[in-house]
C-alpha atoms as a PDB file:
ATOM      1  CA  MET A   1       0.001   0.217   0.153  1.00  0.00           C
ATOM      2  CA  GLY A   2       1.745   3.117  -1.129  1.00  0.00           C
ATOM      3  CA  LEU A   3       1.358   6.954   0.311  1.00  0.00           C
ATOM      4  CA  ILE A   4       2.129   9.646  -1.923  1.00  0.00           C
ATOM      5  CA  LEU A   5       4.021  12.241   0.153  1.00  0.00           C
ATOM      6  CA  SER A   6       4.535  15.402  -1.847  1.00  0.00           C
ATOM      7  CA  THR A   7       1.750  18.170  -2.520  1.00  0.00           C
ATOM      8  CA  TRP A   8       0.963  19.929  -6.172  1.00  0.00           C
ATOM      9  CA  PRO A   9       4.014  21.490  -7.363  1.00  0.00           C
ATOM     10  CA  ARG A  10       4.336  25.331  -7.891  1.00  0.00           C
ATOM     11  CA  GLY A  11       5.865  25.558 -11.294  1.00  0.00           C
ATOM     12  CA  ARG A  12       4.413  25.710 -14.794  1.00  0.00           C
ATOM     13  CA  VAL A  13       0.966  23.790 -14.684  1.00  0.00           C
ATOM     14  CA  ASP A  14       0.219  21.842 -18.255  1.00  0.00           C
ATOM     15  CA  ASP A  15      -2.035  23.484 -20.685  1.00  0.00           C
ATOM     16  CA  ASP A  16      -4.811  20.924 -19.488  1.00  0.00           C
ATOM     17  CA  VAL A  17      -5.489  20.752 -15.643  1.00  0.00           C
ATOM     18  CA  PRO A  18      -5.388  17.088 -14.801  1.00  0.00           C
ATOM     19  CA  PRO A  19      -9.025  15.323 -14.722  1.00  0.00           C
ATOM     20  CA  SER A  20     -10.231  13.940 -11.081  1.00  0.00           C
ATOM     21  CA  THR A  21      -8.660  10.569 -11.924  1.00  0.00           C
ATOM     22  CA  THR A  22      -5.535  11.713 -11.850  1.00  0.00           C
ATOM     23  CA  VAL A  23      -5.582  14.762  -9.562  1.00  0.00           C
ATOM     24  CA  PHE A  24      -4.920  12.569  -6.420  1.00  0.00           C
ATOM     25  CA  PRO A  25      -1.468  13.053  -6.338  1.00  0.00           C
ATOM     26  CA  LEU A  26      -0.857  16.690  -6.916  1.00  0.00           C
ATOM     27  CA  LEU A  27      -3.494  17.156  -3.786  1.00  0.00           C
ATOM     28  CA  ALA A  28      -1.365  15.039  -1.583  1.00  0.00           C
ATOM     29  CA  VAL A  29      -0.437  16.516   1.732  1.00  0.00           C
ATOM     30  CA  PRO A  30       2.102  15.872   3.736  1.00  0.00           C
ATOM     31  CA  THR A  31       2.485  13.570   6.567  1.00  0.00           C
ATOM     32  CA  SER A  32       3.958  12.341   9.969  1.00  0.00           C
ATOM     33  CA  SER A  33       6.376   9.636  10.051  1.00  0.00           C
ATOM     34  CA  ARG A  34       3.521   7.540  12.279  1.00  0.00           C
ATOM     35  CA  LEU A  35       0.778   7.835   9.473  1.00  0.00           C
ATOM     36  CA  THR A  36       3.088   7.477   6.589  1.00  0.00           C
ATOM     37  CA  LEU A  37       4.437   3.988   8.112  1.00  0.00           C
ATOM     38  CA  THR A  38       0.493   3.418   8.607  1.00  0.00           C
ATOM     39  CA  LEU A  39      -0.241   3.797   5.395  1.00  0.00           C
ATOM     40  CA  SER A  40       2.816   1.857   3.708  1.00  0.00           C
ATOM     41  CA  SER A  41       2.724  -1.313   5.984  1.00  0.00           C
ATOM     42  CA  SER A  42       1.057  -4.500   4.959  1.00  0.00           C
ATOM     43  CA  ALA A  43      -2.293  -4.869   5.538  1.00  0.00           C
ATOM     44  CA  VAL A  44      -3.640  -7.261   8.261  1.00  0.00           C
ATOM     45  CA  SER A  45      -5.789 -10.556   7.446  1.00  0.00           C
ATOM     46  CA  VAL A  46      -8.889 -10.467   5.651  1.00  0.00           C
ATOM     47  CA  GLY A  47     -10.799 -12.040   8.047  1.00  0.00           C
ATOM     48  CA  ASP A  48     -10.097  -9.519  11.006  1.00  0.00           C
ATOM     49  CA  ARG A  49     -13.270  -8.714  12.597  1.00  0.00           C
ATOM     50  CA  ARG A  50     -12.565  -5.332  12.693  1.00  0.00           C
ATOM     51  CA  SER A  51     -13.413  -5.746   8.567  1.00  0.00           C
ATOM     52  CA  GLN A  52     -17.130  -6.491   9.354  1.00  0.00           C
ATOM     53  CA  TRP A  53     -19.992  -4.113   9.391  1.00  0.00           C
ATOM     54  CA  SER A  54     -22.349  -4.605  12.641  1.00  0.00           C
ATOM     55  CA  SER A  55     -25.650  -6.915  12.409  1.00  0.00           C
ATOM     56  CA  GLN A  56     -26.765  -4.775  15.294  1.00  0.00           C
ATOM     57  CA  HIS A  57     -25.979  -1.315  14.113  1.00  0.00           C
ATOM     58  CA  CYS A  58     -27.227  -1.620  10.360  1.00  0.00           C
ATOM     59  CA  SER A  59     -30.645  -0.244   8.860  1.00  0.00           C
ATOM     60  CA  PRO A  60     -33.222  -2.686   8.321  1.00  0.00           C
ATOM     61  CA  HIS A  61     -33.105  -2.190   4.548  1.00  0.00           C
ATOM     62  CA  PHE A  62     -29.131  -2.582   4.527  1.00  0.00           C
ATOM     63  CA  HIS A  63     -28.544  -6.571   3.894  1.00  0.00           C
ATOM     64  CA  LEU A  64     -25.124  -8.075   5.309  1.00  0.00           C
ATOM     65  CA  SER A  65     -23.195 -11.036   3.306  1.00  0.00           C
ATOM     66  CA  PRO A  66     -21.984 -14.177   5.145  1.00  0.00           C
ATOM     67  CA  CYS A  67     -18.809 -12.612   6.325  1.00  0.00           C
ATOM     68  CA  ARG A  68     -20.100  -9.453   6.893  1.00  0.00           C
ATOM     69  CA  GLN A  69     -18.014  -7.186   5.062  1.00  0.00           C
ATOM     70  CA  LYS A  70     -20.383  -6.212   2.335  1.00  0.00           C
ATOM     71  CA  ALA A  71     -23.426  -4.365   3.071  1.00  0.00           C
ATOM     72  CA  THR A  72     -26.419  -3.755   0.428  1.00  0.00           C
ATOM     73  CA  ARG A  73     -28.844  -1.982   0.559  1.00  0.00           C
ATOM     74  CA  SER A  74     -32.685  -2.648  -0.904  1.00  0.00           C
ATOM     75  CA  PRO A  75     -34.194  -1.061  -3.114  1.00  0.00           C
ATOM     76  CA  VAL A  76     -36.511   1.034  -0.791  1.00  0.00           C
ATOM     77  CA  GLU A  77     -37.879   4.280  -1.778  1.00  0.00           C
ATOM     78  CA  LEU A  78     -37.737   7.377   0.133  1.00  0.00           C
ATOM     79  CA  SER A  79     -35.220   5.804   2.734  1.00  0.00           C
ATOM     80  CA  SER A  80     -32.294   7.028   3.754  1.00  0.00           C
ATOM     81  CA  ASP A  81     -29.987   3.882   5.580  1.00  0.00           C
ATOM     82  CA  ALA A  82     -26.671   3.535   7.505  1.00  0.00           C
ATOM     83  CA  VAL A  83     -24.441   1.045   8.514  1.00  0.00           C
ATOM     84  CA  ARG A  84     -21.891   1.225  11.025  1.00  0.00           C
ATOM     85  CA  ALA A  85     -18.618  -1.284  12.087  1.00  0.00           C
ATOM     86  CA  GLU A  86     -18.548  -4.151  14.144  1.00  0.00           C
ATOM     87  CA  ILE A  87     -15.881  -2.357  16.367  1.00  0.00           C
ATOM     88  CA  GLY A  88     -15.168   1.123  16.776  1.00  0.00           C
ATOM     89  CA  VAL A  89     -12.037   2.672  18.323  1.00  0.00           C
ATOM     90  CA  LYS A  90     -11.243   4.605  21.554  1.00  0.00           C
ATOM     91  CA  GLY A  91      -7.402   5.347  20.912  1.00  0.00           C
ATOM     92  CA  GLY A  92      -4.778   4.546  18.275  1.00  0.00           C
ATOM     93  CA  LEU A  93      -4.361   5.665  14.459  1.00  0.00           C
ATOM     94  CA  HIS A  94      -6.533   3.280  12.063  1.00  0.00           C
ATOM     95  CA  VAL A  95      -7.152   3.432   8.437  1.00  0.00           C
ATOM     96  CA  TRP A  96      -9.878   1.462   6.670  1.00  0.00           C
ATOM     97  CA  GLU A  97     -10.719   1.116   3.353  1.00  0.00           C
ATOM     98  CA  VAL A  98     -14.194   1.190   2.285  1.00  0.00           C
ATOM     99  CA  SER A  99     -15.196  -0.327  -1.768  1.00  0.00           C
ATOM    100  CA  TRP A 100     -17.834   1.472  -3.268  1.00  0.00           C
ATOM    101  CA  ASN A 101     -18.556   1.426  -6.954  1.00  0.00           C
ATOM    102  CA  PRO A 102     -19.073   5.006  -8.081  1.00  0.00           C
ATOM    103  CA  ASP A 103     -22.032   3.728 -10.517  1.00  0.00           C
ATOM    104  CA  HIS A 104     -24.171   2.394  -7.413  1.00  0.00           C
ATOM    105  CA  ARG A 105     -23.757   5.218  -5.389  1.00  0.00           C
ATOM    106  CA  GLY A 106     -26.938   7.980  -6.760  1.00  0.00           C
ATOM    107  CA  SER A 107     -26.981  11.024  -4.240  1.00  0.00           C
ATOM    108  CA  HIS A 108     -26.317  11.396  -0.272  1.00  0.00           C
ATOM    109  CA  ALA A 109     -23.568   8.523  -0.431  1.00  0.00           C
ATOM    110  CA  VAL A 110     -21.609   9.137   2.699  1.00  0.00           C
ATOM    111  CA  ILE A 111     -19.018   7.632   4.173  1.00  0.00           C
ATOM    112  CA  GLY A 112     -17.544   8.646   7.757  1.00  0.00           C
ATOM    113  CA  ILE A 113     -17.613   8.000  11.113  1.00  0.00           C
ATOM    114  CA  SER A 114     -20.478   7.591  13.781  1.00  0.00           C
ATOM    115  CA  ARG A 115     -20.830   7.252  17.505  1.00  0.00           C
ATOM    116  CA  GLN A 116     -22.943   4.361  18.811  1.00  0.00           C
ATOM    117  CA  ASP A 117     -25.967   6.198  19.242  1.00  0.00           C
ATOM    118  CA  SER A 118     -26.287   8.068  15.611  1.00  0.00           C
ATOM    119  CA  PRO A 119     -29.678   7.022  13.407  1.00  0.00           C
ATOM    120  CA  LEU A 120     -29.059   4.534  11.436  1.00  0.00           C
ATOM    121  CA  HIS A 121     -32.806   5.154   9.307  1.00  0.00           C
ATOM    122  CA  GLY A 122     -34.386   8.175   8.023  1.00  0.00           C
ATOM    123  CA  SER A 123     -37.738   9.001   6.029  1.00  0.00           C
ATOM    124  CA  GLY A 124     -37.137  10.692   2.822  1.00  0.00           C
ATOM    125  CA  TYR A 125     -33.459  11.455   0.724  1.00  0.00           C
ATOM    126  CA  LYS A 126     -31.080  13.065   3.052  1.00  0.00           C
ATOM    127  CA  VAL A 127     -27.468  12.763   4.585  1.00  0.00           C
ATOM    128  CA  LEU A 128     -27.177  10.515   7.540  1.00  0.00           C
ATOM    129  CA  ILE A 129     -23.608  10.294   8.570  1.00  0.00           C
ATOM    130  CA  GLY A 130     -22.608  13.535   9.333  1.00  0.00           C
ATOM    131  CA  GLY A 131     -26.650  14.399   9.529  1.00  0.00           C
ATOM    132  CA  ASP A 132     -26.262  14.651  13.712  1.00  0.00           C
ATOM    133  CA  SER A 133     -24.053  15.848  15.976  1.00  0.00           C
ATOM    134  CA  LEU A 134     -23.018  12.566  16.735  1.00  0.00           C
ATOM    135  CA  SER A 135     -21.328  11.456  13.051  1.00  0.00           C
ATOM    136  CA  TRP A 136     -18.931  12.633  10.507  1.00  0.00           C
ATOM    137  CA  GLY A 137     -19.402  12.120   7.020  1.00  0.00           C
ATOM    138  CA  TRP A 138     -17.676  13.165   3.264  1.00  0.00           C
ATOM    139  CA  GLU A 139     -20.506  13.147   0.668  1.00  0.00           C
ATOM    140  CA  LEU A 140     -18.854  11.570  -2.081  1.00  0.00           C
ATOM    141  CA  LYS A 141     -21.251  13.053  -4.915  1.00  0.00           C
ATOM    142  CA  THR A 142     -20.781  17.051  -3.766  1.00  0.00           C
ATOM    143  CA  ASN A 143     -17.358  16.547  -2.170  1.00  0.00           C
ATOM    144  CA  GLN A 144     -18.795  17.875   0.723  1.00  0.00           C
ATOM    145  CA  LEU A 145     -18.029  17.325   4.572  1.00  0.00           C
ATOM    146  CA  TRP A 146     -21.354  16.907   6.528  1.00  0.00           C
ATOM    147  CA  HIS A 147     -21.511  17.539  10.400  1.00  0.00           C
ATOM    148  CA  GLY A 148     -24.360  18.633  12.725  1.00  0.00           C
ATOM    149  CA  GLY A 149     -26.641  18.164   9.983  1.00  0.00           C
ATOM    150  CA  LYS A 150     -25.164  20.634   8.239  1.00  0.00           C
ATOM    151  CA  PRO A 151     -23.052  20.892   5.404  1.00  0.00           C
ATOM    152  CA  LEU A 152     -19.509  22.150   5.492  1.00  0.00           C
ATOM    153  CA  ASP A 153     -16.391  22.843   3.301  1.00  0.00           C
ATOM    154  CA  CYS A 154     -15.770  21.111   0.334  1.00  0.00           C
ATOM    155  CA  TYR A 155     -12.802  18.512   0.524  1.00  0.00           C
ATOM    156  CA  PRO A 156     -10.107  18.375  -0.129  1.00  0.00           C
ATOM    157  CA  CYS A 157      -9.765  22.167   0.568  1.00  0.00           C
ATOM    158  CA  GLU A 158      -6.271  21.864  -1.250  1.00  0.00           C
ATOM    159  CA  LYS A 159      -8.271  21.315  -4.976  1.00  0.00           C
ATOM    160  CA  ASN A 160      -9.481  24.890  -5.151  1.00  0.00           C
ATOM    161  CA  MET A 161      -5.819  26.190  -4.077  1.00  0.00           C
ATOM    162  CA  PHE A 162      -4.802  24.120  -6.749  1.00  0.00           C
ATOM    163  CA  TYR A 163      -7.151  25.200  -9.689  1.00  0.00           C
ATOM    164  CA  SER A 164      -6.517  28.379  -8.383  1.00  0.00           C
ATOM    165  CA  GLN A 165      -2.298  28.167  -8.313  1.00  0.00           C
ATOM    166  CA  ALA A 166      -3.171  27.193 -12.250  1.00  0.00           C
ATOM    167  CA  THR A 167      -4.993  29.859 -12.809  1.00  0.00           C
ATOM    168  CA  GLN A 168      -2.352  32.337 -12.055  1.00  0.00           C
ATOM    169  CA  ASP A 169       0.384  30.287 -13.378  1.00  0.00           C
ATOM    170  CA  PHE A 170      -1.267  30.069 -16.857  1.00  0.00           C
ATOM    171  CA  GLY A 171      -2.047  34.380 -17.099  1.00  0.00           C
ATOM    172  CA  ARG A 172      -4.785  34.058 -19.418  1.00  0.00           C
ATOM    173  CA  LYS A 173      -7.522  35.677 -18.865  1.00  0.00           C
ATOM    174  CA  SER A 174      -9.851  33.852 -21.385  1.00  0.00           C
ATOM    175  CA  SER A 175      -8.624  30.392 -19.393  1.00  0.00           C
ATOM    176  CA  ASN A 176     -10.006  31.921 -16.002  1.00  0.00           C
ATOM    177  CA  SER A 177     -13.320  30.953 -16.460  1.00  0.00           C
ATOM    178  CA  ARG A 178     -12.360  27.365 -17.382  1.00  0.00           C
ATOM    179  CA  HIS A 179     -10.156  26.603 -14.456  1.00  0.00           C
ATOM    180  CA  ARG A 180     -12.968  28.327 -12.113  1.00  0.00           C
ATOM    181  CA  LYS A 181     -15.515  26.234 -13.094  1.00  0.00           C
ATOM    182  CA  GLU A 182     -12.687  22.877 -13.064  1.00  0.00           C
ATOM    183  CA  SER A 183     -13.086  24.111  -9.285  1.00  0.00           C
ATOM    184  CA  GLU A 184     -16.492  23.993  -8.605  1.00  0.00           C
ATOM    185  CA  THR A 185     -17.023  20.684 -10.040  1.00  0.00           C
ATOM    186  CA  PRO A 186     -16.892  17.810  -7.844  1.00  0.00           C
ATOM    187  CA  LEU A 187     -14.168  15.403  -8.191  1.00  0.00           C
ATOM    188  CA  VAL A 188     -14.934  11.937  -9.077  1.00  0.00           C
ATOM    189  CA  ILE A 189     -14.426   9.704  -6.309  1.00  0.00           C
ATOM    190  CA  PRO A 190     -12.509   6.530  -7.219  1.00  0.00           C
ATOM    191  CA  GLU A 191     -13.994   2.985  -5.458  1.00  0.00           C
ATOM    192  CA  ARG A 192     -11.806   2.542  -3.166  1.00  0.00           C
ATOM    193  CA  VAL A 193     -11.431   5.223  -0.380  1.00  0.00           C
ATOM    194  CA  GLN A 194      -9.299   5.293   2.575  1.00  0.00           C
ATOM    195  CA  LEU A 195     -10.662   6.623   6.041  1.00  0.00           C
ATOM    196  CA  VAL A 196      -7.869   7.709   8.292  1.00  0.00           C
ATOM    197  CA  LEU A 197      -9.067   8.089  12.035  1.00  0.00           C
ATOM    198  CA  ASP A 198      -6.836   9.291  14.533  1.00  0.00           C
ATOM    199  CA  ALA A 199      -8.453   8.621  17.888  1.00  0.00           C
ATOM    200  CA  ASP A 200      -5.509  10.442  19.721  1.00  0.00           C
ATOM    201  CA  ALA A 201      -5.505  13.335  17.505  1.00  0.00           C
ATOM    202  CA  GLY A 202      -9.011  13.403  17.236  1.00  0.00           C
ATOM    203  CA  THR A 203      -9.143  13.976  13.280  1.00  0.00           C
ATOM    204  CA  LEU A 204     -10.285  12.379  10.323  1.00  0.00           C
ATOM    205  CA  GLY A 205      -9.111  12.645   7.276  1.00  0.00           C
ATOM    206  CA  PHE A 206      -9.523  10.190   3.750  1.00  0.00           C
ATOM    207  CA  ALA A 207      -7.115   8.992   1.476  1.00  0.00           C
ATOM    208  CA  VAL A 208      -7.836   7.997  -2.673  1.00  0.00           C
ATOM    209  CA  ASN A 209      -5.249   6.245  -4.987  1.00  0.00           C
ATOM    210  CA  GLY A 210      -2.353   6.486  -2.397  1.00  0.00           C
ATOM    211  CA  SER A 211      -2.888  10.153  -1.899  1.00  0.00           C
ATOM    212  CA  PHE A 212      -3.855  11.813   1.603  1.00  0.00           C
ATOM    213  CA  LEU A 213      -6.016  14.301   0.882  1.00  0.00           C
ATOM    214  CA  GLY A 214      -5.703  15.958   4.522  1.00  0.00           C
ATOM    215  CA  VAL A 215      -7.341  16.332   7.749  1.00  0.00           C
ATOM    216  CA  ALA A 216     -10.734  16.609   6.898  1.00  0.00           C
ATOM    217  CA  PHE A 217     -12.592  16.928  10.677  1.00  0.00           C
ATOM    218  CA  ARG A 218     -10.803  17.872  13.549  1.00  0.00           C
ATOM    219  CA  ASP A 219     -11.392  18.076  17.659  1.00  0.00           C
ATOM    220  CA  LEU A 220     -13.375  14.787  17.666  1.00  0.00           C
ATOM    221  CA  PRO A 221     -14.383  13.596  21.028  1.00  0.00           C
ATOM    222  CA  ALA A 222     -11.772  11.906  22.990  1.00  0.00           C
ATOM    223  CA  GLY A 223     -12.058   8.751  24.769  1.00  0.00           C
ATOM    224  CA  VAL A 224     -15.481   7.693  23.375  1.00  0.00           C
ATOM    225  CA  GLU A 225     -16.214   4.620  21.057  1.00  0.00           C
ATOM    226  CA  LEU A 226     -15.973   6.207  17.243  1.00  0.00           C
ATOM    227  CA  PHE A 227     -16.833   3.317  14.455  1.00  0.00           C
ATOM    228  CA  PRO A 228     -16.589   3.870  10.527  1.00  0.00           C
ATOM    229  CA  ALA A 229     -19.887   4.020   8.727  1.00  0.00           C
ATOM    230  CA  VAL A 230     -21.599   4.798   5.719  1.00  0.00           C
ATOM    231  CA  SER A 231     -25.005   6.182   4.746  1.00  0.00           C
ATOM    232  CA  SER A 232     -26.879   5.502   1.107  1.00  0.00           C
ATOM    233  CA  VAL A 233     -30.273   6.021  -0.252  1.00  0.00           C
ATOM    234  CA  ARG A 234     -29.358   4.233  -3.693  1.00  0.00           C
ATOM    235  CA  GLY A 235     -31.178   0.824  -4.268  1.00  0.00           C
ATOM    236  CA  GLY A 236     -28.557  -2.175  -4.999  1.00  0.00           C
ATOM    237  CA  ALA A 237     -25.639  -0.284  -3.268  1.00  0.00           C
ATOM    238  CA  ARG A 238     -23.034  -2.668  -2.300  1.00  0.00           C
ATOM    239  CA  ILE A 239     -20.314  -1.508   0.291  1.00  0.00           C
ATOM    240  CA  GLU A 240     -17.536  -3.932   1.610  1.00  0.00           C
ATOM    241  CA  LEU A 241     -15.462  -2.398   4.292  1.00  0.00           C
ATOM    242  CA  ARG A 242     -11.669  -3.792   4.942  1.00  0.00           C
ATOM    243  CA  TYR A 243      -9.229  -2.958   7.759  1.00  0.00           C
ATOM    244  CA  LEU A 244      -5.916  -2.294   7.095  1.00  0.00           C
ATOM    245  CA  ASN A 245      -3.509  -1.386   9.575  1.00  0.00           C
ATOM    246  CA  GLY A 246      -3.360   1.115  12.667  1.00  0.00           C
ATOM    247  CA  THR A 247      -0.801   1.735  15.620  1.00  0.00           C
ATOM    248  CA  THR A 248      -1.057   3.145  18.976  1.00  0.00           C
ATOM    249  CA  ARG A 249       0.211   6.452  19.902  1.00  0.00           C
ATOM    250  CA  ASN A 250       3.677   5.566  20.838  1.00  0.00           C
ATOM    251  CA  PRO A 251       6.611   6.636  18.552  1.00  0.00           C
ATOM    252  CA  PRO A 252       7.274   4.218  15.487  1.00  0.00           C
ATOM    253  CA  ALA A 253      10.093   1.939  16.190  1.00  0.00           C
ATOM    254  CA  LEU A 254      13.353   2.825  14.611  1.00  0.00           C
ATOM    255  CA  MET A 255      13.406  -0.304  12.131  1.00  0.00           C
ATOM    256  CA  ALA A 256      10.245   0.273  10.881  1.00  0.00           C
ATOM    257  CA  LEU A 257      11.758   3.666   9.898  1.00  0.00           C
ATOM    258  CA  CYS A 258      14.581   2.681   8.235  1.00  0.00           C
ATOM    259  CA  GLY A 259      12.450   0.020   6.536  1.00  0.00           C
ATOM    260  CA  LEU A 260      10.184   2.525   5.275  1.00  0.00           C
ATOM    261  CA  SER A 261      13.146   5.094   4.110  1.00  0.00           C
ATOM    262  CA  ILE A 262      14.643   1.981   1.778  1.00  0.00           C
ATOM    263  CA  ILE A 263      11.029   1.309   0.348  1.00  0.00           C
ATOM    264  CA  GLN A 264      10.717   4.553  -0.941  1.00  0.00           C
ATOM    265  CA  ASN A 265      13.962   5.520  -2.255  1.00  0.00           C
ATOM    266  CA  LEU A 266      13.736   2.200  -3.895  1.00  0.00           C
ATOM    267  CA  GLY A 267      10.332   3.923  -5.443  1.00  0.00           C
ATOM    268  CA  GLU A 268       7.418   1.843  -6.397  1.00  0.00           C
ATOM    269  CA  GLN A 269       9.454   1.094  -9.855  1.00  0.00           C
ATOM    270  CA  ARG A 270      11.928  -1.359  -8.455  1.00  0.00           C
ATOM    271  CA  LEU A 271      10.066  -2.752  -5.133  1.00  0.00           C
ATOM    272  CA  ASN A 272      10.755  -6.349  -6.781  1.00  0.00           C
ATOM    273  CA  GLN A 273      14.301  -5.686  -6.235  1.00  0.00           C
ATOM    274  CA  VAL A 274      14.624  -5.978  -2.512  1.00  0.00           C
ATOM    275  CA  ASP A 275      16.176  -9.282  -2.635  1.00  0.00           C
ATOM    276  CA  LYS A 276      19.173  -7.724  -4.841  1.00  0.00           C
ATOM    277  CA  LEU A 277      19.968  -5.112  -2.094  1.00  0.00           C
ATOM    278  CA  PRO A 278      23.476  -5.866  -0.062  1.00  0.00           C
ATOM    279  CA  LEU A 279      21.868  -6.948   3.036  1.00  0.00           C
ATOM    280  CA  PRO A 280      21.358  -9.559   5.612  1.00  0.00           C
ATOM    281  CA  PRO A 281      18.702 -11.711   4.969  1.00  0.00           C
ATOM    282  CA  LEU A 282      16.848 -11.089   7.686  1.00  0.00           C
ATOM    283  CA  LEU A 283      16.012  -7.413   6.240  1.00  0.00           C
ATOM    284  CA  HIS A 284      14.977  -8.563   3.551  1.00  0.00           C
ATOM    285  CA  ARG A 285      12.339 -10.933   4.697  1.00  0.00           C
ATOM    286  CA  TYR A 286      11.324  -7.503   6.828  1.00  0.00           C
ATOM    287  CA  LEU A 287      10.867  -5.490   3.933  1.00  0.00           C
ATOM    288  CA  LEU A 288       9.188  -7.878   1.721  1.00  0.00           C
ATOM    289  CA  PHE A 289       6.743  -9.071   4.355  1.00  0.00           C
ATOM    290  CA  CYS A 290       6.045  -5.553   6.249  1.00  0.00           C
ATOM    291  CA  PHE A 291       5.785  -3.178   3.357  1.00  0.00           C
END
């Protein structure tokens, strides 16, 4: 699982602003060594219980697969429905991956976190995760952040900064309206999105295509259990949850940081050459199985 650390470039911008499928590396923000290591480490077992949706904390219009990693919404009209993960967290840094086909999202497609008492069902079509004070959500179709029943900023906020910089670098008046339109157009969020919850720092952010897009929410409540959650209004929407990795508030081990430095210097194109490095066999195995 690779991670893009660099932010978007400040130099010359090409004639065409990249489409949303390729713009995410340009929107990536710097991360701490703790987060970088967590995102870059190998994922835990697929059968981990933290990858399961809860059969109790689930709208009656969501049906779970036998392994409870997939939740499918029934084709019910005028209904908004949500489901939470089986296991929540009170501390530590944790990363989950939510897989949701963009063609099966519809409107009001939200991913985020919630407390245990947040509503899981509502009449009509509306945002549930982020629709009250007990949940925080990112609406994927509009890129809007939600909390307390109100829409907040668009996310990632760096998107508008990027298009503003692009317009300035062009310096052509004729292109201003086009780039302004680009900045107002929601990004098409791909199928897989990583949810990054730092319960120690009280922050929630998201990563897309290996690019961490920054903190979306701050000042999350401390010492309370927080659960990954999604809400949907589209019949047939199938949403899969996968717990990837996590760590405590302790600083990363020196060995792990050294391993990360080696992997980053190799680059994705040369990861298959780890065994050719002039290192002891023990370090070869560590790099191959931990990253």
